[in-house]
Each structure stands twice: as C-alpha cells, then as structure tokens.
Amino acid sequence: MLITQITSLFLLLNLLFIPNVESLYYSGNLDNNFVAKLDNGNLISYPKILPRFAVNTNVDEFAQNNIFDSVTVKDGTLVYCIVNFYSSTSSQPVYNCPLGLSEIISMKANDGAVAVLRSNGDVFVFGAGQYGAQDETEWRKEKPKVNNIKLITCNGLSFAVLSNTNTLSAFGNWGSTNNFQSVNTLQSSVTALWPVSSGFCVEYYASYYKKNMYYCYGKINPTAFYDAKEFHSNDKAICALKTDGTVYCFGDASYGGRSPGDITDAVSMVSNYYGFAVLQKDGTVFSWTLLNNVMNRTPNGVSNVKQLFSSVNTILGLTTDGTCYLWTYGNVNQAYIINLVKNKIPGATNIKTVVAGSSDVYALLKTDGTIMSYGSVNYDLSKLKDVIDVVTLKSQSFVALMKDGTIYLWG
C-alpha cells in the first residue's frame, strides 16, 4: 500500500527526481518505464512502481518488455535480468532468463520475448512462447532457437532473422493470418530487413528482373515491388516511400493501403492508425486514407514544413520557422469524419523538436530549453527549464532530462 501511495504521489505531482543523470532512453514496451544512465555509468530502470537500480556499468545492450523489467548484457554476457511476470499462485516468476549466456553481439525485445544473437550465429529466445520464445529446457541446454544467423530484428509481436546465407525466417505471433508460412521459401538473396508494425519487409535480388526488389510479409498479403528507401505501416496497411519520390501502398484501402498516384516528390513519410502522410520537397504535406469508401487525399496548404510526426489519430508538422500544425481526422473520437482539420498549435513558437506520444499527446521542446504539451491531454510544463532530452513511454507519460542532470516525469 505504501508503494502504491508513493507512486500515486509522484504521478500527481508530475515530478520524479533522480540526480546526476547523463542520458536517458526508452527501449522497451512497458507502460511508464524508462532507463536513465548516471554519470558514473550505472543504469537506473524506472518501472511502474519505484526506481530500481541496475548495478552494471558500461553496458553493451539493454532490453525491456511486458515480461522483463530489465535485461542487461555487459561485455557480451547476459548479467542482469528482472522478471515482472509472476505466478498468481506463488512468488515464483513464470519466466526465467539464461543468465551467464556469453558471446552476445545483439539483443532485441518484442512485447513478450527477448532474442539474443551470439557471435557464432546462434539465436536464443526467452519469454512467452506465443511471442517466439523457445522452451526453457532448450536454452538451459544451450540449444539455440535457430543458428547460422547474422541479423535479428523484431516488431511488437514477432522476430525475423537473416542467416549468413541470406535466407529469412520468422517466428512469433502474427495475429489472425499467417503469411509468414512462405517466408522460408524466399530465394537465398535477402540483403536487408526492416520491421513494420504488421510484419517485416526485405530487400532481395530478383534474378529474373536482374535488380533488387522488396517484399513484405505479415498480417497483410505479401506483395513485391522495387526502388523503396523506407517503410511505414499500421495494422492494416504498408506503404513504401520510393527513391523517385513516389509511394507504393498495399493492404486494406480503408487504412491507407491504396497508393495515391499524384505524389511525385515525397522526401519522408509517417503513418498513424487510419492512414499515411508524406512531406514533399516543397514543404507541403500530403495525407491519405479511405473512410466511408471515399479516398481522402489532402494537401494542407502549409508550405514550410520540415519534419513530420504522428500519433494514433493525428499528424504534426514542424515548420522551418519553429511553429507547428496538427492535422486530425475531424474529431479524433469520431474517425468516420474524413475531412482533415488543420490547426496551428497555439503557443508553439521556436520549437526545436517534437516527441510524439501515444493517444495523440505531444511534447514540444523549444530552443530556449522550455517545453510544452499539446494534444488530447495537455499538461502544464511551465516549471520545466533547461530541458535537453525527452523520451515518451507507451502510455501518455513522458520523461524529460534537465541540464543539471535531474529527471521529470509527467503523464
């Protein structure tokens, strides 16, 4: 009870104080969870309750997810692990970690499992089986999930691995459909791999066309295309920004999966739950979705946007003069309203960068080190000065690092 009361007090005051912080980051999927690196090299993990100290210094890798508060690799060895998922009938953790596993060169975490890659190409995966983890008896005998691997990556539900012979395999939870069944039949020519929220996209050499092509797998029916430079997705559609400034989209048209043919000079792209938007070379923003069977393609009329950000129902544009615009699908609680509404954010001047949180909440960091909040929930951040870094969590919470090494938490 005391811990709960203290935590509630922290959140009520929108203030958490940790001194002597050098840097901070959020590398997992837990609500209200971040990691701070102190100036002596130590890590502090802040889970949902109270700060928890990780005594390791100069760490190589750090991971978190819904099962593990903290998984730490130091000097290539898994040396630290905190499990936050316990049996309801005992005090024993439901899952365990392969502490002492050595020669680790890479680590990735999805929502329910952690995968580590060893220098010999073996991959071990621990956590929940539905997220791709192997049986604990296997990793205890140092039997890998897969071997001869050179690259691992993940999205929220699954892992994909690329072998030394450039073949691809994937494992985990794909949702109601499983288009990964054909992933292992891809010819041995994969040269690059990207995770997207609804699956994975790969670059491979197509011998028939004598050029590199791209292929995406996952909950969306796979399709092939060429000349992509970046990928974005929501749960229903995937869009590729191509090297010539056009876009190629596929999946559910109601969520932006229909390619708008009138985009020719896009330089960057973002996605949200209902669709996609691109920043064009002239500084204008072009967005599209398909709601009520009507294709919505909306140039916004602002011509000096330099960067785009997005959350669930919104798109935010930061302009070259430090102002911000927010576009929503009408009322964010009524997504059937298809006409995008453009709003110039009041008080958003001299903005240096933007951090997009979930639930359409944004933190706007100004050039003078002050910060403001805007979106579906607004917070009074006028007391914050000399902010040098901000990270967002999986909820509406944010963490700001101040110049003097203190940390503030709000949300």
Protein backbone atom coordinates (compact mmCIF):
# COMPACT_ATOMS: atom_id res chain seq x y z
CA MET A 1 0.00 0.00 0.00
CA LEU A 2 2.81 2.41 0.85
CA ILE A 3 4.48 1.83 -2.52
CA THR A 4 1.20 2.45 -4.32
CA GLN A 5 0.65 5.67 -2.38
CA ILE A 6 4.17 6.92 -3.11
CA THR A 7 3.80 6.13 -6.81
CA SER A 8 0.46 7.93 -6.95
CA LEU A 9 2.06 10.94 -5.26
CA PHE A 10 4.84 11.04 -7.86
CA LEU A 11 2.32 10.97 -10.71
CA LEU A 12 0.05 13.51 -9.01
CA LEU A 13 2.91 15.96 -8.68
CA ASN A 14 4.12 15.15 -12.21
CA LEU A 15 7.61 15.03 -10.75
CA LEU A 16 10.28 12.40 -10.30
CA PHE A 17 13.72 13.47 -9.14
CA ILE A 18 16.84 11.46 -9.98
CA PRO A 19 20.18 13.30 -9.73
CA ASN A 20 23.36 13.07 -11.81
CA VAL A 21 21.81 11.67 -14.97
CA GLU A 22 23.95 11.60 -18.11
CA SER A 23 21.42 10.29 -20.63
CA LEU A 24 18.07 8.53 -20.79
CA TYR A 25 16.21 6.33 -23.19
CA TYR A 26 13.18 4.10 -23.55
CA SER A 27 13.94 0.79 -25.20
CA GLY A 28 11.03 -1.44 -24.23
CA ASN A 29 7.27 -1.67 -24.33
CA LEU A 30 6.25 -1.27 -20.70
CA ASP A 31 3.86 1.47 -19.67
CA ASN A 32 5.61 4.12 -17.57
CA ASN A 33 9.06 2.60 -17.96
CA PHE A 34 12.34 4.28 -18.84
CA VAL A 35 16.04 3.90 -18.25
CA ALA A 36 18.46 6.57 -17.04
CA LYS A 37 22.24 6.30 -17.30
CA LEU A 38 24.02 8.06 -14.45
CA ASP A 39 27.28 9.93 -14.88
CA ASN A 40 29.11 7.09 -13.11
CA GLY A 41 27.91 4.65 -15.80
CA ASN A 42 25.24 2.95 -13.68
CA LEU A 43 21.76 2.33 -15.06
CA ILE A 44 18.53 3.06 -13.25
CA SER A 45 15.38 1.37 -14.52
CA TYR A 46 12.11 3.04 -13.55
CA PRO A 47 9.26 0.51 -13.84
CA LYS A 48 5.66 1.08 -12.82
CA ILE A 49 6.44 1.17 -9.09
CA LEU A 50 9.68 2.78 -7.92
CA PRO A 51 13.20 3.28 -9.29
CA ARG A 52 15.10 0.02 -9.42
CA PHE A 53 18.88 0.06 -9.59
CA ALA A 54 20.86 -1.98 -12.08
CA VAL A 55 24.41 -2.09 -10.75
CA ASN A 56 26.04 -2.78 -14.09
CA THR A 57 28.25 -0.14 -15.70
CA ASN A 58 29.25 0.38 -19.32
CA VAL A 59 26.54 -1.95 -20.62
CA ASP A 60 26.52 -3.23 -24.21
CA GLU A 61 22.78 -3.92 -24.60
CA PHE A 62 19.63 -3.19 -22.60
CA ALA A 63 16.10 -4.51 -23.26
CA GLN A 64 12.65 -4.35 -21.68
CA ASN A 65 9.18 -5.66 -22.49
CA ASN A 66 5.92 -6.66 -20.81
CA ILE A 67 7.62 -9.61 -19.07
CA PHE A 68 11.11 -8.36 -18.24
CA ASP A 69 11.77 -5.04 -16.49
CA SER A 70 15.46 -5.19 -17.29
CA VAL A 71 17.70 -7.47 -19.35
CA THR A 72 21.31 -6.31 -19.49
CA VAL A 73 24.30 -7.52 -21.50
CA LYS A 74 27.76 -6.46 -20.36
CA ASP A 75 30.99 -7.45 -22.09
CA GLY A 76 28.98 -9.84 -24.25
CA THR A 77 27.41 -11.72 -21.32
CA LEU A 78 23.83 -11.60 -20.06
CA VAL A 79 24.47 -10.47 -16.50
CA TYR A 80 21.24 -8.91 -15.21
CA CYS A 81 17.56 -9.76 -15.51
CA ILE A 82 14.44 -8.66 -13.61
CA VAL A 83 11.20 -10.52 -14.27
CA ASN A 84 7.93 -8.68 -13.60
CA PHE A 85 5.58 -11.53 -14.53
CA TYR A 86 4.87 -13.78 -11.56
CA SER A 87 2.54 -16.71 -10.96
CA SER A 88 -0.77 -15.82 -9.31
CA THR A 89 -0.45 -18.84 -7.02
CA SER A 90 3.18 -18.50 -5.94
CA SER A 91 6.00 -16.00 -5.63
CA GLN A 92 7.98 -17.67 -8.42
CA PRO A 93 8.47 -15.93 -11.77
CA VAL A 94 6.65 -17.54 -14.69
CA TYR A 95 9.63 -16.90 -16.98
CA ASN A 96 13.38 -17.03 -16.49
CA CYS A 97 16.48 -15.67 -18.23
CA PRO A 98 19.62 -17.50 -19.44
CA LEU A 99 21.92 -15.58 -17.11
CA GLY A 100 25.58 -16.14 -17.93
CA LEU A 101 24.96 -16.70 -21.64
CA SER A 102 28.09 -15.28 -23.28
CA GLU A 103 29.41 -14.03 -26.63
CA ILE A 104 26.24 -11.98 -27.24
CA ILE A 105 26.58 -9.42 -30.03
CA SER A 106 22.95 -8.26 -30.41
CA MET A 107 19.68 -8.29 -28.44
CA LYS A 108 16.11 -7.43 -29.45
CA ALA A 109 12.85 -7.43 -27.46
CA ASN A 110 9.27 -7.61 -28.69
CA ASP A 111 6.28 -7.29 -26.35
CA GLY A 112 6.70 -10.71 -24.77
CA ALA A 113 10.11 -12.21 -25.53
CA VAL A 114 13.81 -11.32 -25.84
CA ALA A 115 16.13 -12.68 -28.54
CA VAL A 116 19.93 -12.64 -28.29
CA LEU A 117 22.40 -13.32 -31.11
CA ARG A 118 25.77 -14.88 -30.27
CA SER A 119 28.95 -14.36 -32.26
CA ASN A 120 28.76 -17.94 -33.57
CA GLY A 121 25.35 -17.24 -35.18
CA ASP A 122 23.20 -18.98 -32.54
CA VAL A 123 19.96 -17.23 -31.52
CA PHE A 124 18.34 -17.86 -28.13
CA VAL A 125 14.84 -16.56 -27.39
CA PHE A 126 13.35 -16.44 -23.88
CA GLY A 127 10.00 -15.23 -22.56
CA ALA A 128 6.47 -16.13 -23.73
CA GLY A 129 6.15 -18.83 -26.39
CA GLN A 130 3.40 -17.02 -28.31
CA TYR A 131 5.89 -14.21 -28.96
CA GLY A 132 8.53 -16.55 -30.39
CA ALA A 133 10.36 -17.78 -27.28
CA GLN A 134 11.76 -21.30 -27.21
CA ASP A 135 11.12 -23.76 -24.39
CA GLU A 136 13.23 -23.04 -21.31
CA THR A 137 14.62 -26.58 -21.31
CA GLU A 138 16.23 -25.85 -24.69
CA TRP A 139 18.18 -22.74 -23.77
CA ARG A 140 19.23 -24.30 -20.49
CA LYS A 141 20.98 -26.95 -22.61
CA GLU A 142 22.33 -24.14 -24.85
CA LYS A 143 20.27 -25.42 -27.75
CA PRO A 144 19.53 -22.38 -29.96
CA LYS A 145 16.19 -21.47 -31.49
CA VAL A 146 17.93 -21.02 -34.85
CA ASN A 147 21.59 -20.91 -35.89
CA ASN A 148 23.87 -19.53 -38.59
CA ILE A 149 22.26 -16.08 -38.15
CA LYS A 150 23.85 -12.66 -38.79
CA LEU A 151 20.94 -10.28 -38.07
CA ILE A 152 17.89 -10.25 -35.78
CA THR A 153 15.06 -7.72 -35.68
CA CYS A 154 11.53 -7.58 -34.30
CA ASN A 155 8.20 -5.81 -34.23
CA GLY A 156 5.79 -5.90 -31.29
CA LEU A 157 4.68 -9.49 -31.80
CA SER A 158 7.39 -11.37 -33.63
CA PHE A 159 11.03 -11.78 -34.65
CA ALA A 160 12.70 -12.09 -38.02
CA VAL A 161 16.26 -13.36 -38.55
CA LEU A 162 18.58 -13.24 -41.54
CA SER A 163 21.05 -16.10 -41.98
CA ASN A 164 24.65 -15.98 -43.15
CA THR A 165 23.42 -17.44 -46.44
CA ASN A 166 20.94 -14.52 -46.77
CA THR A 167 17.80 -16.58 -46.15
CA LEU A 168 14.99 -15.27 -43.96
CA SER A 169 12.94 -16.91 -41.23
CA ALA A 170 10.42 -15.51 -38.78
CA PHE A 171 8.67 -16.68 -35.64
CA GLY A 172 6.23 -15.31 -33.08
CA ASN A 173 2.65 -14.12 -33.14
CA TRP A 174 1.26 -12.86 -36.45
CA GLY A 175 -2.35 -12.34 -35.43
CA SER A 176 -5.31 -13.93 -37.20
CA THR A 177 -3.50 -14.52 -40.51
CA ASN A 178 -0.11 -16.07 -41.11
CA ASN A 179 1.61 -15.02 -44.30
CA PHE A 180 4.97 -15.94 -42.82
CA GLN A 181 4.46 -19.56 -43.85
CA SER A 182 6.08 -18.81 -47.20
CA VAL A 183 8.89 -16.72 -45.74
CA ASN A 184 11.38 -19.60 -45.74
CA THR A 185 10.78 -20.30 -49.43
CA LEU A 186 12.30 -16.96 -50.47
CA GLN A 187 15.41 -17.49 -52.55
CA SER A 188 18.76 -17.07 -50.79
CA SER A 189 19.26 -13.47 -51.81
CA VAL A 190 17.99 -11.25 -48.98
CA THR A 191 20.27 -8.25 -48.46
CA ALA A 192 18.33 -6.12 -45.95
CA LEU A 193 15.49 -6.48 -43.45
CA TRP A 194 13.08 -3.96 -41.87
CA PRO A 195 10.39 -4.46 -39.20
CA VAL A 196 6.97 -2.82 -39.62
CA SER A 197 4.07 -2.96 -37.18
CA SER A 198 2.20 -5.52 -39.30
CA GLY A 199 5.16 -7.66 -40.35
CA PHE A 200 8.58 -7.39 -41.99
CA CYS A 201 9.89 -6.09 -45.31
CA VAL A 202 13.00 -7.40 -47.07
CA GLU A 203 15.26 -6.35 -49.90
CA TYR A 204 16.39 -9.18 -52.16
CA TYR A 205 17.99 -9.69 -55.54
CA ALA A 206 15.46 -10.79 -58.19
CA SER A 207 17.47 -12.73 -60.74
CA TYR A 208 14.63 -12.65 -63.28
CA TYR A 209 14.50 -8.84 -63.26
CA LYS A 210 18.25 -8.53 -62.59
CA LYS A 211 17.76 -5.93 -59.87
CA ASN A 212 16.95 -5.61 -56.18
CA MET A 213 13.29 -5.82 -55.19
CA TYR A 214 11.32 -5.61 -51.96
CA TYR A 215 8.85 -7.98 -50.39
CA CYS A 216 6.73 -7.58 -47.24
CA TYR A 217 5.29 -10.34 -45.08
CA GLY A 218 2.94 -10.42 -42.13
CA LYS A 219 -0.73 -9.89 -41.40
CA ILE A 220 -1.08 -8.24 -44.82
CA ASN A 221 -0.98 -10.26 -48.03
CA PRO A 222 2.62 -10.18 -49.32
CA THR A 223 3.49 -8.23 -52.43
CA ALA A 224 6.65 -7.41 -54.40
CA PHE A 225 7.86 -4.00 -55.60
CA TYR A 226 11.14 -2.14 -56.26
CA ASP A 227 13.14 1.02 -55.53
CA ALA A 228 11.99 1.55 -51.91
CA LYS A 229 14.01 3.57 -49.42
CA GLU A 230 11.82 3.38 -46.27
CA PHE A 231 8.69 1.62 -45.00
CA HIS A 232 5.81 2.65 -42.77
CA SER A 233 2.75 0.75 -41.64
CA ASN A 234 -0.28 0.50 -39.42
CA ASP A 235 -2.05 -2.73 -38.50
CA LYS A 236 -3.89 -2.89 -41.82
CA ALA A 237 -1.61 -1.42 -44.48
CA ILE A 238 2.03 -0.89 -45.51
CA CYS A 239 3.43 1.96 -47.59
CA ALA A 240 6.88 2.25 -49.12
CA LEU A 241 8.49 5.58 -49.95
CA LYS A 242 10.35 5.01 -53.20
CA THR A 243 13.62 6.55 -54.32
CA ASP A 244 11.88 8.57 -57.04
CA GLY A 245 9.62 10.35 -54.54
CA THR A 246 6.51 8.28 -55.26
CA VAL A 247 4.80 5.92 -52.82
CA TYR A 248 3.58 2.35 -53.14
CA CYS A 249 0.91 1.12 -50.71
CA PHE A 250 -0.89 -2.16 -50.21
CA GLY A 251 -3.19 -3.79 -47.69
CA ASP A 252 -6.58 -2.53 -46.52
CA ALA A 253 -7.52 0.54 -48.55
CA SER A 254 -9.65 1.80 -45.66
CA TYR A 255 -6.43 2.36 -43.70
CA GLY A 256 -4.33 3.96 -46.43
CA GLY A 257 -3.46 0.80 -48.37
CA ARG A 258 -4.28 2.35 -51.75
CA SER A 259 -1.43 4.17 -53.50
CA PRO A 260 -2.16 7.84 -54.25
CA GLY A 261 -0.87 8.30 -57.77
CA ASP A 262 -0.42 12.07 -57.58
CA ILE A 263 2.58 12.07 -55.19
CA THR A 264 5.85 12.52 -57.09
CA ASP A 265 8.33 14.34 -54.85
CA ALA A 266 7.94 12.98 -51.30
CA VAL A 267 11.03 13.11 -49.06
CA SER A 268 9.72 11.49 -45.85
CA MET A 269 6.67 9.63 -44.58
CA VAL A 270 4.76 8.89 -41.35
CA SER A 271 1.80 6.66 -40.53
CA ASN A 272 -0.99 6.57 -37.97
CA TYR A 273 -3.89 4.25 -37.24
CA TYR A 274 -6.02 5.40 -40.18
CA GLY A 275 -3.55 6.28 -42.89
CA PHE A 276 -0.30 7.88 -44.04
CA ALA A 277 1.22 11.28 -44.79
CA VAL A 278 4.27 12.42 -46.71
CA LEU A 279 6.38 15.56 -46.55
CA GLN A 280 7.04 16.82 -50.07
CA LYS A 281 10.13 18.57 -51.36
CA ASP A 282 8.37 21.96 -51.40
CA GLY A 283 7.49 21.69 -47.68
CA THR A 284 3.84 20.75 -48.17
CA VAL A 285 2.17 17.76 -46.52
CA PHE A 286 0.03 15.24 -48.37
CA SER A 287 -2.07 12.72 -46.42
CA TRP A 288 -4.40 9.93 -47.40
CA THR A 289 -6.76 7.33 -46.02
CA LEU A 290 -10.01 5.75 -47.15
CA LEU A 291 -13.01 6.17 -44.86
CA ASN A 292 -16.65 5.67 -45.86
CA ASN A 293 -15.32 4.37 -49.21
CA VAL A 294 -14.07 7.84 -50.13
CA MET A 295 -10.38 8.35 -50.88
CA ASN A 296 -9.13 11.28 -48.81
CA ARG A 297 -6.08 12.99 -50.30
CA THR A 298 -5.50 16.37 -48.69
CA PRO A 299 -2.71 18.84 -49.47
CA ASN A 300 -2.69 21.04 -46.38
CA GLY A 301 -1.83 24.49 -47.67
CA VAL A 302 1.25 24.89 -45.44
CA SER A 303 4.42 25.22 -47.49
CA ASN A 304 7.28 25.37 -44.98
CA VAL A 305 7.08 22.06 -43.07
CA LYS A 306 10.48 20.47 -42.39
CA GLN A 307 9.55 17.39 -40.33
CA LEU A 308 6.51 15.20 -39.66
CA PHE A 309 5.44 13.35 -36.51
CA SER A 310 2.39 11.18 -35.88
CA SER A 311 0.28 9.54 -33.20
CA VAL A 312 -2.85 7.40 -33.29
CA ASN A 313 -5.28 9.82 -35.00
CA THR A 314 -3.09 12.83 -35.72
CA ILE A 315 -0.21 14.16 -37.80
CA LEU A 316 2.00 17.02 -36.59
CA GLY A 317 4.16 19.16 -38.84
CA LEU A 318 7.13 21.21 -37.57
CA THR A 319 7.87 24.19 -39.82
CA THR A 320 11.14 25.90 -40.67
CA ASP A 321 10.15 28.93 -38.55
CA GLY A 322 9.57 26.79 -35.43
CA THR A 323 5.76 26.73 -35.48
CA CYS A 324 3.64 23.56 -35.52
CA TYR A 325 0.48 22.38 -37.26
CA LEU A 326 -1.68 19.46 -36.19
CA TRP A 327 -3.96 17.57 -38.55
CA THR A 328 -6.73 15.31 -37.25
CA TYR A 329 -9.45 13.21 -38.84
CA GLY A 330 -12.10 15.69 -37.69
CA ASN A 331 -12.95 14.82 -34.10
CA VAL A 332 -10.33 12.24 -33.06
CA ASN A 333 -13.12 10.37 -31.27
CA GLN A 334 -15.18 10.21 -34.49
CA ALA A 335 -12.86 8.71 -37.07
CA TYR A 336 -15.65 8.47 -39.65
CA ILE A 337 -15.28 12.22 -40.26
CA ILE A 338 -12.86 12.04 -43.18
CA ASN A 339 -12.00 15.69 -43.84
CA LEU A 340 -8.64 16.52 -42.28
CA VAL A 341 -8.80 19.54 -39.99
CA LYS A 342 -5.69 21.74 -39.86
CA ASN A 343 -4.86 23.51 -36.61
CA LYS A 344 -1.95 25.83 -35.91
CA ILE A 345 -0.88 24.92 -32.39
CA PRO A 346 -1.26 27.97 -30.13
CA GLY A 347 1.89 28.97 -28.26
CA ALA A 348 4.08 26.68 -30.34
CA THR A 349 6.87 29.04 -31.32
CA ASN A 350 10.62 28.47 -31.59
CA ILE A 351 10.08 24.71 -31.45
CA LYS A 352 13.32 22.75 -31.87
CA THR A 353 11.96 19.21 -31.89
CA VAL A 354 8.83 17.22 -31.13
CA VAL A 355 8.31 13.94 -29.29
CA ALA A 356 5.12 12.09 -30.23
CA GLY A 357 3.45 10.02 -27.53
CA SER A 358 0.57 7.61 -27.75
CA SER A 359 -3.06 8.71 -27.55
CA ASP A 360 -2.35 11.87 -29.59
CA VAL A 361 -0.24 13.62 -26.95
CA TYR A 362 2.91 15.52 -28.00
CA ALA A 363 5.81 17.15 -26.16
CA LEU A 364 7.25 20.22 -27.93
CA LEU A 365 10.80 21.19 -26.94
CA LYS A 366 11.70 24.85 -27.56
CA THR A 367 15.08 26.33 -28.47
CA ASP A 368 15.35 28.03 -25.06
CA GLY A 369 15.08 24.70 -23.20
CA THR A 370 11.46 25.08 -22.16
CA ILE A 371 8.82 22.57 -23.14
CA MET A 372 5.08 22.48 -23.78
CA SER A 373 2.43 19.79 -24.10
CA TYR A 374 -0.29 19.61 -26.73
CA GLY A 375 -2.87 17.07 -27.84
CA SER A 376 -5.74 15.06 -26.44
CA VAL A 377 -4.40 15.79 -22.93
CA ASN A 378 -2.45 18.96 -22.11
CA TYR A 379 -0.10 19.33 -19.13
CA ASP A 380 1.26 22.48 -17.51
CA LEU A 381 5.03 22.19 -18.05
CA SER A 382 5.88 25.83 -17.40
CA LYS A 383 8.06 24.85 -14.41
CA LEU A 384 10.46 22.89 -16.60
CA LYS A 385 13.61 24.74 -17.66
CA ASP A 386 16.84 23.76 -19.40
CA VAL A 387 15.43 20.56 -20.90
CA ILE A 388 17.99 18.77 -23.07
CA ASP A 389 16.23 15.47 -23.88
CA VAL A 390 12.75 13.94 -23.81
CA VAL A 391 11.53 10.37 -24.29
CA THR A 392 7.98 9.06 -24.47
CA LEU A 393 6.59 5.92 -22.90
CA LYS A 394 3.94 3.51 -24.13
CA SER A 395 1.23 5.38 -22.23
CA GLN A 396 0.64 9.15 -22.19
CA SER A 397 3.72 9.62 -19.99
CA PHE A 398 6.92 11.46 -20.86
CA VAL A 399 10.32 11.81 -19.21
CA ALA A 400 12.47 14.95 -19.57
CA LEU A 401 16.17 15.22 -18.77
CA MET A 402 17.33 18.60 -17.47
CA LYS A 403 20.70 20.26 -17.97
CA ASP A 404 21.55 19.81 -14.27
CA GLY A 405 21.01 16.05 -14.52
CA THR A 406 17.55 15.85 -12.95
CA ILE A 407 14.63 13.99 -14.44
CA TYR A 408 10.93 14.97 -14.60
CA LEU A 409 8.11 12.56 -15.32
CA TRP A 410 4.60 13.59 -16.32
CA GLY A 411 1.52 11.96 -17.75
